């Protein structure tokens, strides 16, 4: 047992620099292991992000084609529906007036009225899309700002600068 106590006493009396070096090496090892783990996690995250971007690009390419084809189909369905509605209205007018010519004339007049109404609605929408009320309001606010700045500059030049009261 005396040999064990002597070894412990020798270890306790060991150089503090060696103990600090061992602790520093252990800390460096832990930091290095954490850095390697962080780098691996970042690599996996960037790999997953690149895969996500690739999947989103494929989805965008497919969705653009679907939106384009869907809009063409929607226009075709709308035109065919409009043609069916006009045919039904024409049939009803021809039954009511007992004349195909009068029914066609009424349909033409109704179509012209619809086209003129749509033309004015589009012109009105374009005029309102330019926000005339907002532009007028912004001009008024700009004029008010210029007046306030001019008044502030005039107030600064009108008041004489204060002299310091330090004597000779």
Protein backbone atom coordinates (compact mmCIF):
# COMPACT_ATOMS: atom_id res chain seq x y z
CA UNK A 1 0.00 0.00 0.00
CA UNK A 2 2.84 2.35 0.58
CA UNK A 3 3.67 2.25 -3.13
CA UNK A 4 0.13 3.42 -4.04
CA UNK A 5 0.29 6.33 -1.56
CA UNK A 6 3.66 7.38 -2.90
CA UNK A 7 2.27 7.36 -6.48
CA UNK A 8 -0.68 9.49 -5.43
CA UNK A 9 1.57 11.92 -3.64
CA UNK A 10 3.79 12.12 -6.71
CA UNK A 11 0.78 12.72 -8.97
CA UNK A 12 -0.56 15.45 -6.67
CA UNK A 13 2.81 17.13 -6.60
CA UNK A 14 3.06 16.98 -10.41
CA UNK A 15 3.80 20.09 -12.37
CA UNK A 16 0.72 22.41 -12.59
CA UNK A 17 1.77 23.28 -16.14
CA UNK A 18 1.33 19.65 -17.17
CA UNK A 19 -2.17 19.58 -15.66
CA UNK A 20 -3.07 22.83 -17.45
CA UNK A 21 -1.69 21.43 -20.72
CA UNK A 22 -3.72 18.25 -20.34
CA UNK A 23 -6.86 20.31 -19.63
CA UNK A 24 -6.11 22.57 -22.63
CA UNK A 25 -5.66 19.53 -24.88
CA UNK A 26 -8.96 18.08 -23.69
CA UNK A 27 -10.71 21.42 -24.30
CA UNK A 28 -9.15 21.71 -27.76
CA UNK A 29 -10.29 18.20 -28.58
CA UNK A 30 -13.85 18.99 -27.49
CA UNK A 31 -13.87 22.23 -29.49
CA UNK A 32 -12.45 20.46 -32.54
CA UNK A 33 -15.06 17.71 -32.28
CA UNK A 34 -17.82 20.33 -31.96
CA UNK A 35 -16.45 22.17 -35.01
CA UNK A 36 -16.42 18.97 -37.06
CA UNK A 37 -19.98 18.23 -35.97
CA UNK A 38 -21.06 21.77 -36.87
CA UNK A 39 -19.41 21.55 -40.28
CA UNK A 40 -21.12 18.21 -40.94
CA UNK A 41 -24.50 19.63 -39.90
CA UNK A 42 -23.98 22.69 -42.15
CA UNK A 43 -23.02 20.44 -45.06
CA UNK A 44 -26.18 18.36 -44.59
CA UNK A 45 -28.31 21.52 -44.29
CA UNK A 46 -26.88 23.02 -47.49
CA UNK A 47 -27.31 19.71 -49.31
CA UNK A 48 -30.95 19.59 -48.22
CA UNK A 49 -31.41 23.24 -49.23
CA UNK A 50 -29.96 22.56 -52.70
CA UNK A 51 -32.31 19.57 -53.08
CA UNK A 52 -35.22 21.77 -52.01
CA UNK A 53 -34.30 24.44 -54.58
CA UNK A 54 -34.05 21.79 -57.31
CA UNK A 55 -37.48 20.40 -56.38
CA UNK A 56 -38.96 23.92 -56.31
CA UNK A 57 -37.49 24.62 -59.77
CA UNK A 58 -39.07 21.43 -61.15
CA UNK A 59 -42.37 22.38 -59.54
CA UNK A 60 -42.20 25.90 -60.97
CA UNK A 61 -41.47 24.58 -64.45
CA UNK A 62 -44.45 22.22 -64.24
CA UNK A 63 -46.75 24.83 -62.72
CA UNK A 64 -45.96 27.47 -65.37
CA UNK A 65 -46.97 25.02 -68.07
CA UNK A 66 -50.12 24.06 -66.16
CA UNK A 67 -51.10 27.71 -65.61
CA UNK A 68 -50.56 28.48 -69.30
CA UNK A 69 -52.58 25.48 -70.46
CA UNK A 70 -55.23 26.14 -67.82
CA UNK A 71 -55.63 29.76 -68.92
CA UNK A 72 -56.03 28.69 -72.55
CA UNK A 73 -58.63 26.12 -71.52
CA UNK A 74 -60.41 28.70 -69.37
CA UNK A 75 -60.64 31.13 -72.26
CA UNK A 76 -61.93 28.38 -74.54
CA UNK A 77 -64.58 27.35 -72.00
CA UNK A 78 -65.62 30.98 -71.48
CA UNK A 79 -65.99 31.55 -75.22
CA UNK A 80 -68.01 28.38 -75.68
CA UNK A 81 -70.22 29.27 -72.71
CA UNK A 82 -70.77 32.75 -74.14
CA UNK A 83 -71.67 31.26 -77.52
CA UNK A 84 -74.19 28.92 -75.84
CA UNK A 85 -75.76 31.78 -73.90
CA UNK A 86 -76.02 33.94 -77.03
CA UNK A 87 -77.55 31.02 -78.96
CA UNK A 88 -80.13 30.47 -76.20
CA UNK A 89 -80.97 34.18 -76.10
CA UNK A 90 -81.24 34.22 -79.91
CA UNK A 91 -83.51 31.17 -79.86
CA UNK A 92 -85.70 32.77 -77.18
CA UNK A 93 -85.89 36.03 -79.17
CA UNK A 94 -86.77 34.20 -82.39
CA UNK A 95 -89.54 32.30 -80.58
CA UNK A 96 -90.81 35.52 -78.99
CA UNK A 97 -90.69 37.64 -82.16
CA UNK A 98 -91.49 34.86 -84.69
CA UNK A 99 -88.71 36.29 -86.86
CA UNK A 100 -85.09 35.20 -87.11
CA UNK A 101 -84.05 38.55 -88.64
CA UNK A 102 -85.48 40.62 -85.79
CA UNK A 103 -83.92 38.25 -83.24
CA UNK A 104 -80.49 38.62 -84.90
CA UNK A 105 -80.85 42.41 -85.02
CA UNK A 106 -81.68 42.50 -81.30
CA UNK A 107 -78.67 40.24 -80.57
CA UNK A 108 -76.36 42.53 -82.55
CA UNK A 109 -77.63 45.62 -80.71
CA UNK A 110 -77.21 43.86 -77.34
CA UNK A 111 -73.65 42.82 -78.28
CA UNK A 112 -72.79 46.38 -79.33
CA UNK A 113 -74.17 47.75 -76.05
CA UNK A 114 -72.12 45.16 -74.14
CA UNK A 115 -68.94 46.01 -76.06
CA UNK A 116 -69.38 49.77 -75.51
CA UNK A 117 -70.04 49.19 -71.79
CA UNK A 118 -66.93 47.01 -71.50
CA UNK A 119 -64.88 49.63 -73.36
CA UNK A 120 -65.89 52.37 -70.93
CA UNK A 121 -65.37 50.06 -67.94
CA UNK A 122 -61.84 49.25 -69.11
CA UNK A 123 -61.04 52.93 -69.70
CA UNK A 124 -62.37 53.78 -66.22
CA UNK A 125 -60.35 50.97 -64.63
CA UNK A 126 -57.17 52.16 -66.36
CA UNK A 127 -57.81 55.73 -65.23
CA UNK A 128 -58.34 54.59 -61.64
CA UNK A 129 -55.30 52.32 -61.81
CA UNK A 130 -53.13 55.42 -62.16
CA UNK A 131 -54.41 56.64 -58.75
CA UNK A 132 -55.34 60.23 -59.64
CA UNK A 133 -56.66 60.95 -56.13
CA UNK A 134 -53.45 59.74 -54.54
CA UNK A 135 -51.33 61.81 -56.93
CA UNK A 136 -53.37 64.92 -56.12
CA UNK A 137 -53.02 64.27 -52.41
CA UNK A 138 -49.26 63.71 -52.73
CA UNK A 139 -48.90 66.98 -54.65
CA UNK A 140 -50.79 68.80 -51.90
CA UNK A 141 -48.61 67.19 -49.21
CA UNK A 142 -45.47 68.13 -51.19
CA UNK A 143 -46.62 71.75 -51.43
CA UNK A 144 -47.34 71.82 -47.72
CA UNK A 145 -43.91 70.37 -46.99
CA UNK A 146 -42.24 73.00 -49.17
CA UNK A 147 -44.16 75.78 -47.37
CA UNK A 148 -43.15 74.38 -43.98
CA UNK A 149 -39.49 74.13 -45.00
CA UNK A 150 -39.53 77.67 -46.40
CA UNK A 151 -41.17 78.96 -43.23
CA UNK A 152 -38.60 77.16 -41.09
CA UNK A 153 -35.70 78.54 -43.14
CA UNK A 154 -37.22 82.04 -42.96
CA UNK A 155 -37.56 81.74 -39.17
CA UNK A 156 -33.90 80.75 -38.87
CA UNK A 157 -32.64 83.66 -40.95
CA UNK A 158 -34.93 86.17 -39.24
CA UNK A 159 -33.65 85.50 -35.72
CA UNK A 160 -30.13 86.86 -35.11
CA UNK A 161 -27.59 84.38 -33.81
CA UNK A 162 -26.94 84.54 -30.07
CA UNK A 163 -23.69 86.07 -28.94
CA UNK A 164 -21.74 84.33 -26.22
CA UNK A 165 -21.36 86.36 -23.04
CA UNK A 166 -17.69 85.70 -22.42
CA UNK A 167 -15.77 88.76 -21.47
CA UNK A 168 -12.18 89.79 -22.35
